[in-house]
């Protein structure tokens, strides 16, 4: 297998930002090292926060913005996401290998979050329920508009049931627990609530990632 000269190599240091609705978290930089690779994945060590020895636990579906420096001193960037884990002598994180066309000299922090108005049922801790629409969605969370008569506050935990439609006309139901990490008041006066997944199974998250990829393909073919 010929190795594309653009690709980072085994033992290469990667600099990582993790997609998050929490702006402080999203600006933190982590370092990792490529331990192994195959045709579709890089296997990397658990990332460590720059300037400390704190390890960052990653989850299936987490969206990552990665940079590395090639031998000619040029920094390259690509976006990817976590696809699994391997237990070797140490725990390794499996991330999707980018296509050569996905690697850029310019940082693109768009991640795998797509605009989508999907129907979402939500239940608060006091068992109040409402039905709303998402504004965007990704492997790590989503944004919804606040609904009249349903109070939402930062830090609140919500049980959610999401309808996910696919291109082949099938519909999946995805359930998860999310935390409200930020609330933004729009110019229209409506509230946009940014949620991160705090309890979601790998299989449920995979349904959302599949939808996001289909939606991105739709954008590219328009």
C-alpha atoms as a PDB file:
ATOM      1  CA  UNK A   1       0.000   0.000   0.000  1.00  0.00           C
ATOM      2  CA  UNK A   2       1.526   3.298  -1.083  1.00  0.00           C
ATOM      3  CA  UNK A   3       1.575   5.887   1.673  1.00  0.00           C
ATOM      4  CA  UNK A   4       0.350   9.311   0.666  1.00  0.00           C
ATOM      5  CA  UNK A   5       3.076  11.778   1.613  1.00  0.00           C
ATOM      6  CA  UNK A   6       0.453  14.136   3.031  1.00  0.00           C
ATOM      7  CA  UNK A   7      -0.692  11.628   5.634  1.00  0.00           C
ATOM      8  CA  UNK A   8       0.779  11.666   9.123  1.00  0.00           C
ATOM      9  CA  UNK A   9       2.904   8.602   9.863  1.00  0.00           C
ATOM     10  CA  UNK A  10       3.185   6.154  12.750  1.00  0.00           C
ATOM     11  CA  UNK A  11       4.702   7.914  15.820  1.00  0.00           C
ATOM     12  CA  UNK A  12       3.641  11.315  14.404  1.00  0.00           C
ATOM     13  CA  UNK A  13       2.408  13.794  17.025  1.00  0.00           C
ATOM     14  CA  UNK A  14      -1.170  15.023  16.512  1.00  0.00           C
ATOM     15  CA  UNK A  15      -2.640  18.231  17.973  1.00  0.00           C
ATOM     16  CA  UNK A  16      -6.332  17.799  18.707  1.00  0.00           C
ATOM     17  CA  UNK A  17      -9.351  20.005  19.401  1.00  0.00           C
ATOM     18  CA  UNK A  18     -12.595  18.289  20.397  1.00  0.00           C
ATOM     19  CA  UNK A  19     -15.953  19.537  19.153  1.00  0.00           C
ATOM     20  CA  UNK A  20     -18.061  20.810  22.021  1.00  0.00           C
ATOM     21  CA  UNK A  21     -20.898  23.244  22.574  1.00  0.00           C
ATOM     22  CA  UNK A  22     -18.806  24.458  25.516  1.00  0.00           C
ATOM     23  CA  UNK A  23     -16.499  27.092  23.993  1.00  0.00           C
ATOM     24  CA  UNK A  24     -13.877  26.730  26.755  1.00  0.00           C
ATOM     25  CA  UNK A  25     -13.623  23.005  26.103  1.00  0.00           C
ATOM     26  CA  UNK A  26     -13.480  23.474  22.337  1.00  0.00           C
ATOM     27  CA  UNK A  27     -10.472  25.795  22.661  1.00  0.00           C
ATOM     28  CA  UNK A  28      -8.440  23.310  24.728  1.00  0.00           C
ATOM     29  CA  UNK A  29      -5.667  21.612  22.767  1.00  0.00           C
ATOM     30  CA  UNK A  30      -4.606  18.016  23.339  1.00  0.00           C
ATOM     31  CA  UNK A  31      -1.633  16.003  22.072  1.00  0.00           C
ATOM     32  CA  UNK A  32      -1.567  12.406  20.967  1.00  0.00           C
ATOM     33  CA  UNK A  33       0.600  10.044  18.943  1.00  0.00           C
ATOM     34  CA  UNK A  34      -0.270   7.666  16.126  1.00  0.00           C
ATOM     35  CA  UNK A  35       0.475   4.134  17.378  1.00  0.00           C
ATOM     36  CA  UNK A  36      -0.775   2.223  14.330  1.00  0.00           C
ATOM     37  CA  UNK A  37      -2.918   2.583  11.212  1.00  0.00           C
ATOM     38  CA  UNK A  38      -4.792   0.562   8.615  1.00  0.00           C
ATOM     39  CA  UNK A  39      -6.582   1.369   5.362  1.00  0.00           C
ATOM     40  CA  UNK A  40      -9.463   3.207   7.031  1.00  0.00           C
ATOM     41  CA  UNK A  41      -8.253   4.280  10.477  1.00  0.00           C
ATOM     42  CA  UNK A  42      -5.532   5.763  12.618  1.00  0.00           C
ATOM     43  CA  UNK A  43      -5.035   4.232  16.073  1.00  0.00           C
ATOM     44  CA  UNK A  44      -3.955   6.959  18.464  1.00  0.00           C
ATOM     45  CA  UNK A  45      -2.992   7.096  22.135  1.00  0.00           C
ATOM     46  CA  UNK A  46      -5.466   8.624  24.592  1.00  0.00           C
ATOM     47  CA  UNK A  47      -4.951  12.407  24.167  1.00  0.00           C
ATOM     48  CA  UNK A  48      -3.250  14.469  26.875  1.00  0.00           C
ATOM     49  CA  UNK A  49      -4.044  18.122  27.526  1.00  0.00           C
ATOM     50  CA  UNK A  50      -1.276  20.514  26.496  1.00  0.00           C
ATOM     51  CA  UNK A  51       0.653  21.847  29.483  1.00  0.00           C
ATOM     52  CA  UNK A  52      -0.562  19.148  31.882  1.00  0.00           C
ATOM     53  CA  UNK A  53      -0.589  15.383  32.248  1.00  0.00           C
ATOM     54  CA  UNK A  54      -4.404  15.177  32.261  1.00  0.00           C
ATOM     55  CA  UNK A  55      -5.697  12.495  29.905  1.00  0.00           C
ATOM     56  CA  UNK A  56      -8.868  13.204  27.924  1.00  0.00           C
ATOM     57  CA  UNK A  57     -11.381  10.388  27.733  1.00  0.00           C
ATOM     58  CA  UNK A  58     -12.933  10.191  24.276  1.00  0.00           C
ATOM     59  CA  UNK A  59     -16.250   8.635  23.332  1.00  0.00           C
ATOM     60  CA  UNK A  60     -17.537   6.894  20.227  1.00  0.00           C
ATOM     61  CA  UNK A  61     -18.660   9.559  17.746  1.00  0.00           C
ATOM     62  CA  UNK A  62     -16.664  12.439  19.271  1.00  0.00           C
ATOM     63  CA  UNK A  63     -15.749  14.910  16.520  1.00  0.00           C
ATOM     64  CA  UNK A  64     -12.104  16.004  16.324  1.00  0.00           C
ATOM     65  CA  UNK A  65     -10.171  18.745  14.526  1.00  0.00           C
ATOM     66  CA  UNK A  66      -6.604  17.503  14.111  1.00  0.00           C
ATOM     67  CA  UNK A  67      -3.389  19.144  12.952  1.00  0.00           C
ATOM     68  CA  UNK A  68       0.143  17.847  12.461  1.00  0.00           C
ATOM     69  CA  UNK A  69       3.375  19.218  11.015  1.00  0.00           C
ATOM     70  CA  UNK A  70       4.916  17.560   7.959  1.00  0.00           C
ATOM     71  CA  UNK A  71       8.666  17.180   7.433  1.00  0.00           C
ATOM     72  CA  UNK A  72       8.770  20.438   5.442  1.00  0.00           C
ATOM     73  CA  UNK A  73       7.440  22.300   8.497  1.00  0.00           C
ATOM     74  CA  UNK A  74       3.923  22.923   7.128  1.00  0.00           C
ATOM     75  CA  UNK A  75       0.962  22.398   9.443  1.00  0.00           C
ATOM     76  CA  UNK A  76      -1.898  20.391   7.931  1.00  0.00           C
ATOM     77  CA  UNK A  77      -5.440  19.947   9.243  1.00  0.00           C
ATOM     78  CA  UNK A  78      -8.278  17.471   8.926  1.00  0.00           C
ATOM     79  CA  UNK A  79     -11.546  16.726  10.692  1.00  0.00           C
ATOM     80  CA  UNK A  80     -12.462  13.237  11.842  1.00  0.00           C
ATOM     81  CA  UNK A  81     -14.389  11.347  14.493  1.00  0.00           C
ATOM     82  CA  UNK A  82     -13.902   8.445  16.929  1.00  0.00           C
ATOM     83  CA  UNK A  83     -14.981   5.076  15.481  1.00  0.00           C
ATOM     84  CA  UNK A  84     -13.930   2.720  18.274  1.00  0.00           C
ATOM     85  CA  UNK A  85     -11.276   1.601  20.743  1.00  0.00           C
ATOM     86  CA  UNK A  86      -8.583  -1.072  20.926  1.00  0.00           C
ATOM     87  CA  UNK A  87      -7.166  -2.595  24.101  1.00  0.00           C
ATOM     88  CA  UNK A  88      -3.462  -3.158  23.474  1.00  0.00           C
ATOM     89  CA  UNK A  89      -0.698  -2.744  26.072  1.00  0.00           C
ATOM     90  CA  UNK A  90      -2.384   0.649  26.455  1.00  0.00           C
ATOM     91  CA  UNK A  91      -5.856   1.744  25.397  1.00  0.00           C
ATOM     92  CA  UNK A  92      -5.896   3.123  21.846  1.00  0.00           C
ATOM     93  CA  UNK A  93      -8.535   5.256  20.147  1.00  0.00           C
ATOM     94  CA  UNK A  94      -9.571   4.418  16.592  1.00  0.00           C
ATOM     95  CA  UNK A  95     -10.326   7.467  14.415  1.00  0.00           C
ATOM     96  CA  UNK A  96     -11.435   7.649  10.799  1.00  0.00           C
ATOM     97  CA  UNK A  97      -8.578   8.240   8.357  1.00  0.00           C
ATOM     98  CA  UNK A  98      -9.322  11.266   6.130  1.00  0.00           C
ATOM     99  CA  UNK A  99      -9.321  11.222   2.355  1.00  0.00           C
ATOM    100  CA  UNK A 100      -6.360  13.094   0.821  1.00  0.00           C
ATOM    101  CA  UNK A 101      -8.873  15.733  -0.354  1.00  0.00           C
ATOM    102  CA  UNK A 102      -9.973  16.259   3.288  1.00  0.00           C
ATOM    103  CA  UNK A 103      -6.471  17.371   4.354  1.00  0.00           C
ATOM    104  CA  UNK A 104      -5.945  21.127   4.182  1.00  0.00           C
ATOM    105  CA  UNK A 105      -3.386  23.771   5.105  1.00  0.00           C
ATOM    106  CA  UNK A 106      -6.320  25.820   6.443  1.00  0.00           C
ATOM    107  CA  UNK A 107      -8.142  24.941   9.644  1.00  0.00           C
ATOM    108  CA  UNK A 108     -11.817  24.183   9.022  1.00  0.00           C
ATOM    109  CA  UNK A 109     -13.669  23.819  12.318  1.00  0.00           C
ATOM    110  CA  UNK A 110     -17.006  22.826  10.785  1.00  0.00           C
ATOM    111  CA  UNK A 111     -16.839  19.256  12.110  1.00  0.00           C
ATOM    112  CA  UNK A 112     -19.618  16.829  11.308  1.00  0.00           C
ATOM    113  CA  UNK A 113     -22.454  19.029  12.529  1.00  0.00           C
ATOM    114  CA  UNK A 114     -25.192  19.543   9.973  1.00  0.00           C
ATOM    115  CA  UNK A 115     -28.222  21.797   9.770  1.00  0.00           C
ATOM    116  CA  UNK A 116     -31.349  19.688  10.255  1.00  0.00           C
ATOM    117  CA  UNK A 117     -34.891  20.275  11.517  1.00  0.00           C
ATOM    118  CA  UNK A 118     -35.675  16.930  13.132  1.00  0.00           C
ATOM    119  CA  UNK A 119     -38.548  16.241  15.501  1.00  0.00           C
ATOM    120  CA  UNK A 120     -37.444  15.764  19.093  1.00  0.00           C
ATOM    121  CA  UNK A 121     -39.489  14.831  22.167  1.00  0.00           C
ATOM    122  CA  UNK A 122     -37.939  16.037  25.424  1.00  0.00           C
ATOM    123  CA  UNK A 123     -38.679  15.338  29.078  1.00  0.00           C
ATOM    124  CA  UNK A 124     -37.233  17.320  31.964  1.00  0.00           C
ATOM    125  CA  UNK A 125     -36.335  15.982  35.396  1.00  0.00           C
ATOM    126  CA  UNK A 126     -39.744  17.061  36.751  1.00  0.00           C
ATOM    127  CA  UNK A 127     -41.337  14.917  33.984  1.00  0.00           C
ATOM    128  CA  UNK A 128     -42.611  17.933  31.998  1.00  0.00           C
ATOM    129  CA  UNK A 129     -42.689  17.043  28.308  1.00  0.00           C
ATOM    130  CA  UNK A 130     -42.553  18.973  25.028  1.00  0.00           C
ATOM    131  CA  UNK A 131     -41.956  18.363  21.329  1.00  0.00           C
ATOM    132  CA  UNK A 132     -39.480  20.586  19.487  1.00  0.00           C
ATOM    133  CA  UNK A 133     -37.300  20.855  16.390  1.00  0.00           C
ATOM    134  CA  UNK A 134     -33.541  20.603  16.165  1.00  0.00           C
ATOM    135  CA  UNK A 135     -31.531  23.365  14.480  1.00  0.00           C
ATOM    136  CA  UNK A 136     -28.390  21.288  13.961  1.00  0.00           C
ATOM    137  CA  UNK A 137     -27.038  17.917  15.004  1.00  0.00           C
ATOM    138  CA  UNK A 138     -23.721  16.057  15.201  1.00  0.00           C
ATOM    139  CA  UNK A 139     -22.089  13.058  16.821  1.00  0.00           C
ATOM    140  CA  UNK A 140     -21.549  14.912  20.096  1.00  0.00           C
ATOM    141  CA  UNK A 141     -24.773  16.853  20.523  1.00  0.00           C
ATOM    142  CA  UNK A 142     -27.448  19.037  18.964  1.00  0.00           C
ATOM    143  CA  UNK A 143     -29.172  22.410  19.204  1.00  0.00           C
ATOM    144  CA  UNK A 144     -32.898  22.904  19.700  1.00  0.00           C
ATOM    145  CA  UNK A 145     -35.186  25.908  19.881  1.00  0.00           C
ATOM    146  CA  UNK A 146     -36.794  26.572  23.250  1.00  0.00           C
ATOM    147  CA  UNK A 147     -40.499  25.745  23.337  1.00  0.00           C
ATOM    148  CA  UNK A 148     -43.220  27.927  24.866  1.00  0.00           C
ATOM    149  CA  UNK A 149     -44.291  26.624  28.263  1.00  0.00           C
ATOM    150  CA  UNK A 150     -41.216  24.405  28.659  1.00  0.00           C
ATOM    151  CA  UNK A 151     -38.530  25.978  30.834  1.00  0.00           C
ATOM    152  CA  UNK A 152     -34.915  25.167  29.985  1.00  0.00           C
ATOM    153  CA  UNK A 153     -31.815  26.166  31.958  1.00  0.00           C
ATOM    154  CA  UNK A 154     -28.077  25.636  31.510  1.00  0.00           C
ATOM    155  CA  UNK A 155     -26.912  22.488  33.288  1.00  0.00           C
ATOM    156  CA  UNK A 156     -30.357  20.885  33.027  1.00  0.00           C
ATOM    157  CA  UNK A 157     -30.545  17.186  32.071  1.00  0.00           C
ATOM    158  CA  UNK A 158     -33.148  16.124  29.497  1.00  0.00           C
ATOM    159  CA  UNK A 159     -34.366  12.741  28.309  1.00  0.00           C
ATOM    160  CA  UNK A 160     -34.794  12.881  24.536  1.00  0.00           C
ATOM    161  CA  UNK A 161     -36.371  10.855  21.756  1.00  0.00           C
ATOM    162  CA  UNK A 162     -35.332  11.819  18.219  1.00  0.00           C
ATOM    163  CA  UNK A 163     -36.823  10.846  14.841  1.00  0.00           C
ATOM    164  CA  UNK A 164     -34.027  10.308  12.295  1.00  0.00           C
ATOM    165  CA  UNK A 165     -35.042   9.950   8.610  1.00  0.00           C
ATOM    166  CA  UNK A 166     -32.670   8.380   6.066  1.00  0.00           C
ATOM    167  CA  UNK A 167     -32.392   8.710   2.300  1.00  0.00           C
ATOM    168  CA  UNK A 168     -33.906   5.255   1.757  1.00  0.00           C
ATOM    169  CA  UNK A 169     -37.102   6.504   3.493  1.00  0.00           C
ATOM    170  CA  UNK A 170     -36.559   4.481   6.673  1.00  0.00           C
ATOM    171  CA  UNK A 171     -36.923   6.255  10.017  1.00  0.00           C
ATOM    172  CA  UNK A 172     -34.996   5.428  13.182  1.00  0.00           C
ATOM    173  CA  UNK A 173     -35.919   6.383  16.742  1.00  0.00           C
ATOM    174  CA  UNK A 174     -32.911   7.461  18.820  1.00  0.00           C
ATOM    175  CA  UNK A 175     -33.120   7.928  22.573  1.00  0.00           C
ATOM    176  CA  UNK A 176     -30.492   9.521  24.794  1.00  0.00           C
ATOM    177  CA  UNK A 177     -29.920  11.790  27.765  1.00  0.00           C
ATOM    178  CA  UNK A 178     -28.486  15.247  27.110  1.00  0.00           C
ATOM    179  CA  UNK A 179     -27.300  18.210  29.147  1.00  0.00           C
ATOM    180  CA  UNK A 180     -28.016  21.840  28.261  1.00  0.00           C
ATOM    181  CA  UNK A 181     -24.570  23.445  28.004  1.00  0.00           C
ATOM    182  CA  UNK A 182     -25.449  26.855  26.587  1.00  0.00           C
ATOM    183  CA  UNK A 183     -28.513  28.972  25.807  1.00  0.00           C
ATOM    184  CA  UNK A 184     -28.347  31.747  23.236  1.00  0.00           C
ATOM    185  CA  UNK A 185     -31.108  34.297  22.635  1.00  0.00           C
ATOM    186  CA  UNK A 186     -31.570  34.912  18.903  1.00  0.00           C
ATOM    187  CA  UNK A 187     -32.390  38.277  17.292  1.00  0.00           C
ATOM    188  CA  UNK A 188     -35.960  37.006  16.877  1.00  0.00           C
ATOM    189  CA  UNK A 189     -36.205  36.548  20.653  1.00  0.00           C
ATOM    190  CA  UNK A 190     -36.289  32.766  20.421  1.00  0.00           C
ATOM    191  CA  UNK A 191     -33.872  30.763  22.537  1.00  0.00           C
ATOM    192  CA  UNK A 192     -31.424  28.337  20.913  1.00  0.00           C
ATOM    193  CA  UNK A 193     -30.386  25.660  23.415  1.00  0.00           C
ATOM    194  CA  UNK A 194     -27.151  23.741  22.812  1.00  0.00           C
ATOM    195  CA  UNK A 195     -27.130  20.204  24.187  1.00  0.00           C
ATOM    196  CA  UNK A 196     -24.390  17.615  24.549  1.00  0.00           C
ATOM    197  CA  UNK A 197     -25.011  13.886  24.825  1.00  0.00           C
ATOM    198  CA  UNK A 198     -24.255  12.592  28.321  1.00  0.00           C
ATOM    199  CA  UNK A 199     -25.815   9.123  28.047  1.00  0.00           C
ATOM    200  CA  UNK A 200     -26.151   7.531  24.619  1.00  0.00           C
ATOM    201  CA  UNK A 201     -25.313   4.024  23.439  1.00  0.00           C
ATOM    202  CA  UNK A 202     -22.776   3.511  20.655  1.00  0.00           C
ATOM    203  CA  UNK A 203     -25.483   2.076  18.389  1.00  0.00           C
ATOM    204  CA  UNK A 204     -27.761   5.087  18.924  1.00  0.00           C
ATOM    205  CA  UNK A 205     -24.915   7.551  18.274  1.00  0.00           C
ATOM    206  CA  UNK A 206     -24.015   5.640  15.111  1.00  0.00           C
ATOM    207  CA  UNK A 207     -27.559   6.249  13.775  1.00  0.00           C
ATOM    208  CA  UNK A 208     -27.008  10.009  14.186  1.00  0.00           C
ATOM    209  CA  UNK A 209     -23.556   9.914  12.548  1.00  0.00           C
ATOM    210  CA  UNK A 210     -25.019   7.975   9.588  1.00  0.00           C
ATOM    211  CA  UNK A 211     -27.679  10.687   9.170  1.00  0.00           C
ATOM    212  CA  UNK A 212     -25.022  13.447   9.318  1.00  0.00           C
ATOM    213  CA  UNK A 213     -22.923  11.775   6.612  1.00  0.00           C
ATOM    214  CA  UNK A 214     -25.969  11.394   4.364  1.00  0.00           C
ATOM    215  CA  UNK A 215     -26.849  15.060   4.880  1.00  0.00           C
ATOM    216  CA  UNK A 216     -23.265  16.157   4.098  1.00  0.00           C
ATOM    217  CA  UNK A 217     -23.355  14.107   0.892  1.00  0.00           C
ATOM    218  CA  UNK A 218     -26.610  15.845  -0.017  1.00  0.00           C
ATOM    219  CA  UNK A 219     -24.905  19.231   0.436  1.00  0.00           C
ATOM    220  CA  UNK A 220     -21.956  18.215  -1.720  1.00  0.00           C
ATOM    221  CA  UNK A 221     -24.114  16.942  -4.584  1.00  0.00           C
ATOM    222  CA  UNK A 222     -26.297  20.073  -4.773  1.00  0.00           C
END
